[in-house]
Amino acid sequence: MNIKWVYWGKLYDSKFQARVLQQRLEHDAWMYGYNTPQEIEVYRSRRGKYGVRFIL
């Protein structure tokens, strides 16, 4: 099985901003009954910015 990441379309200057988005994705899935992603993580790009990616 080939696991593919889905990348959020925006990169953030700080890890804190990316973590807030990560928490929001988890909370919204729980609150509104969306399918919860299997895994959500914050990553660092080559240029030093932070992003969020997840596996559905």
N, C-alpha and C. Protein backbone atom coordinates (compact mmCIF):
# COMPACT_ATOMS: atom_id res chain seq x y z
N MET A 1 0.84 -1.18 0.00
CA MET A 1 0.00 0.00 0.00
C MET A 1 0.89 1.24 0.00
N ASN A 2 0.61 2.15 -0.91
CA ASN A 2 1.39 3.37 -1.04
C ASN A 2 0.66 4.51 -0.32
N ILE A 3 1.24 5.01 0.74
CA ILE A 3 0.63 6.09 1.51
C ILE A 3 1.05 7.42 0.90
N LYS A 4 0.06 8.28 0.65
CA LYS A 4 0.35 9.58 0.07
C LYS A 4 -0.10 10.69 1.02
N TRP A 5 0.77 11.65 1.20
CA TRP A 5 0.48 12.79 2.05
C TRP A 5 -0.31 13.83 1.28
N VAL A 6 -1.22 14.50 1.97
CA VAL A 6 -1.93 15.66 1.43
C VAL A 6 -1.34 16.88 2.13
N TYR A 7 -0.86 17.84 1.36
CA TYR A 7 -0.21 19.01 1.92
C TYR A 7 -1.16 20.19 1.95
N TRP A 8 -1.20 20.89 3.09
CA TRP A 8 -1.97 22.11 3.20
C TRP A 8 -1.32 23.16 2.31
N GLY A 9 -2.09 24.02 1.68
CA GLY A 9 -1.60 24.92 0.65
C GLY A 9 -0.79 26.11 1.11
N LYS A 10 -0.59 26.30 2.39
CA LYS A 10 0.11 27.48 2.87
C LYS A 10 1.25 27.07 3.80
N LEU A 11 2.36 27.80 3.72
CA LEU A 11 3.48 27.61 4.64
C LEU A 11 3.50 28.77 5.62
N TYR A 12 3.93 28.50 6.83
CA TYR A 12 3.93 29.49 7.91
C TYR A 12 5.35 29.79 8.35
N ASP A 13 5.54 31.00 8.88
CA ASP A 13 6.85 31.43 9.35
C ASP A 13 7.27 30.75 10.65
N SER A 14 6.29 30.42 11.49
CA SER A 14 6.65 29.82 12.78
C SER A 14 5.99 28.45 12.94
N LYS A 15 6.62 27.64 13.74
CA LYS A 15 6.09 26.31 14.03
C LYS A 15 4.79 26.43 14.82
N PHE A 16 4.68 27.46 15.64
CA PHE A 16 3.47 27.68 16.43
C PHE A 16 2.25 27.83 15.53
N GLN A 17 2.38 28.63 14.47
CA GLN A 17 1.26 28.85 13.55
C GLN A 17 0.84 27.54 12.89
N ALA A 18 1.78 26.72 12.50
CA ALA A 18 1.47 25.44 11.88
C ALA A 18 0.81 24.50 12.89
N ARG A 19 1.26 24.53 14.14
CA ARG A 19 0.66 23.67 15.18
C ARG A 19 -0.79 24.07 15.46
N VAL A 20 -1.07 25.38 15.40
CA VAL A 20 -2.44 25.84 15.60
C VAL A 20 -3.34 25.27 14.49
N LEU A 21 -2.87 25.31 13.25
CA LEU A 21 -3.64 24.73 12.15
C LEU A 21 -3.82 23.23 12.34
N GLN A 22 -2.78 22.56 12.78
CA GLN A 22 -2.87 21.12 13.03
C GLN A 22 -3.97 20.83 14.06
N GLN A 23 -3.98 21.57 15.14
CA GLN A 23 -4.99 21.38 16.18
C GLN A 23 -6.39 21.68 15.65
N ARG A 24 -6.49 22.71 14.82
CA ARG A 24 -7.79 23.08 14.26
C ARG A 24 -8.32 21.98 13.35
N LEU A 25 -7.46 21.40 12.53
CA LEU A 25 -7.89 20.30 11.66
C LEU A 25 -8.41 19.12 12.49
N GLU A 26 -7.70 18.79 13.55
CA GLU A 26 -8.13 17.69 14.42
C GLU A 26 -9.46 18.03 15.10
N HIS A 27 -9.59 19.25 15.59
CA HIS A 27 -10.79 19.66 16.30
C HIS A 27 -11.99 19.72 15.36
N ASP A 28 -11.82 20.31 14.18
CA ASP A 28 -12.93 20.43 13.24
C ASP A 28 -13.44 19.06 12.79
N ALA A 29 -12.53 18.13 12.58
CA ALA A 29 -12.94 16.78 12.19
C ALA A 29 -13.79 16.15 13.28
N TRP A 30 -13.39 16.37 14.52
CA TRP A 30 -14.13 15.80 15.65
C TRP A 30 -15.46 16.53 15.83
N MET A 31 -15.43 17.86 15.74
CA MET A 31 -16.60 18.67 16.03
C MET A 31 -17.69 18.53 14.97
N TYR A 32 -17.31 18.52 13.70
CA TYR A 32 -18.28 18.54 12.62
C TYR A 32 -18.49 17.17 11.97
N GLY A 33 -17.86 16.15 12.49
CA GLY A 33 -18.10 14.78 12.02
C GLY A 33 -17.42 14.42 10.73
N TYR A 34 -16.36 15.15 10.36
CA TYR A 34 -15.61 14.79 9.17
C TYR A 34 -14.80 13.53 9.46
N ASN A 35 -14.36 12.88 8.40
CA ASN A 35 -13.45 11.76 8.59
C ASN A 35 -12.14 12.31 9.15
N THR A 36 -11.75 11.78 10.27
CA THR A 36 -10.52 12.23 10.90
C THR A 36 -9.33 11.68 10.15
N PRO A 37 -8.38 12.54 9.78
CA PRO A 37 -7.17 12.04 9.11
C PRO A 37 -6.44 11.04 10.01
N GLN A 38 -5.81 10.05 9.38
CA GLN A 38 -5.08 9.04 10.15
C GLN A 38 -3.94 9.68 10.92
N GLU A 39 -3.26 10.60 10.26
CA GLU A 39 -2.10 11.23 10.89
C GLU A 39 -1.99 12.66 10.36
N ILE A 40 -1.73 13.58 11.27
CA ILE A 40 -1.49 14.98 10.90
C ILE A 40 -0.17 15.37 11.52
N GLU A 41 0.71 15.99 10.73
CA GLU A 41 2.00 16.39 11.28
C GLU A 41 2.45 17.71 10.70
N VAL A 42 3.29 18.38 11.48
CA VAL A 42 3.93 19.63 11.06
C VAL A 42 5.29 19.25 10.49
N TYR A 43 5.63 19.83 9.34
CA TYR A 43 6.93 19.55 8.73
C TYR A 43 7.63 20.87 8.43
N ARG A 44 8.91 20.80 8.20
CA ARG A 44 9.70 21.98 7.86
C ARG A 44 10.17 21.87 6.41
N SER A 45 9.92 22.92 5.65
CA SER A 45 10.31 22.92 4.23
C SER A 45 11.81 23.20 4.11
N ARG A 46 12.31 23.03 2.91
CA ARG A 46 13.74 23.27 2.67
C ARG A 46 14.12 24.72 2.92
N ARG A 47 13.18 25.62 2.75
CA ARG A 47 13.46 27.05 2.94
C ARG A 47 13.23 27.52 4.37
N GLY A 48 12.91 26.60 5.25
CA GLY A 48 12.81 26.93 6.66
C GLY A 48 11.43 27.29 7.16
N LYS A 49 10.43 27.25 6.30
CA LYS A 49 9.07 27.53 6.75
C LYS A 49 8.40 26.23 7.18
N TYR A 50 7.26 26.36 7.85
CA TYR A 50 6.56 25.20 8.39
C TYR A 50 5.22 25.01 7.68
N GLY A 51 4.87 23.75 7.51
CA GLY A 51 3.61 23.41 6.88
C GLY A 51 2.96 22.24 7.59
N VAL A 52 1.75 21.93 7.14
CA VAL A 52 0.98 20.84 7.73
C VAL A 52 0.65 19.85 6.61
N ARG A 53 0.79 18.58 6.90
CA ARG A 53 0.42 17.54 5.96
C ARG A 53 -0.32 16.46 6.71
N PHE A 54 -1.16 15.72 5.99
CA PHE A 54 -1.94 14.67 6.64
C PHE A 54 -2.23 13.54 5.68
N ILE A 55 -2.59 12.40 6.25
CA ILE A 55 -2.99 11.21 5.51
C ILE A 55 -4.47 10.99 5.79
N LEU A 56 -5.26 10.86 4.73
CA LEU A 56 -6.70 10.62 4.91
C LEU A 56 -7.00 9.17 5.17
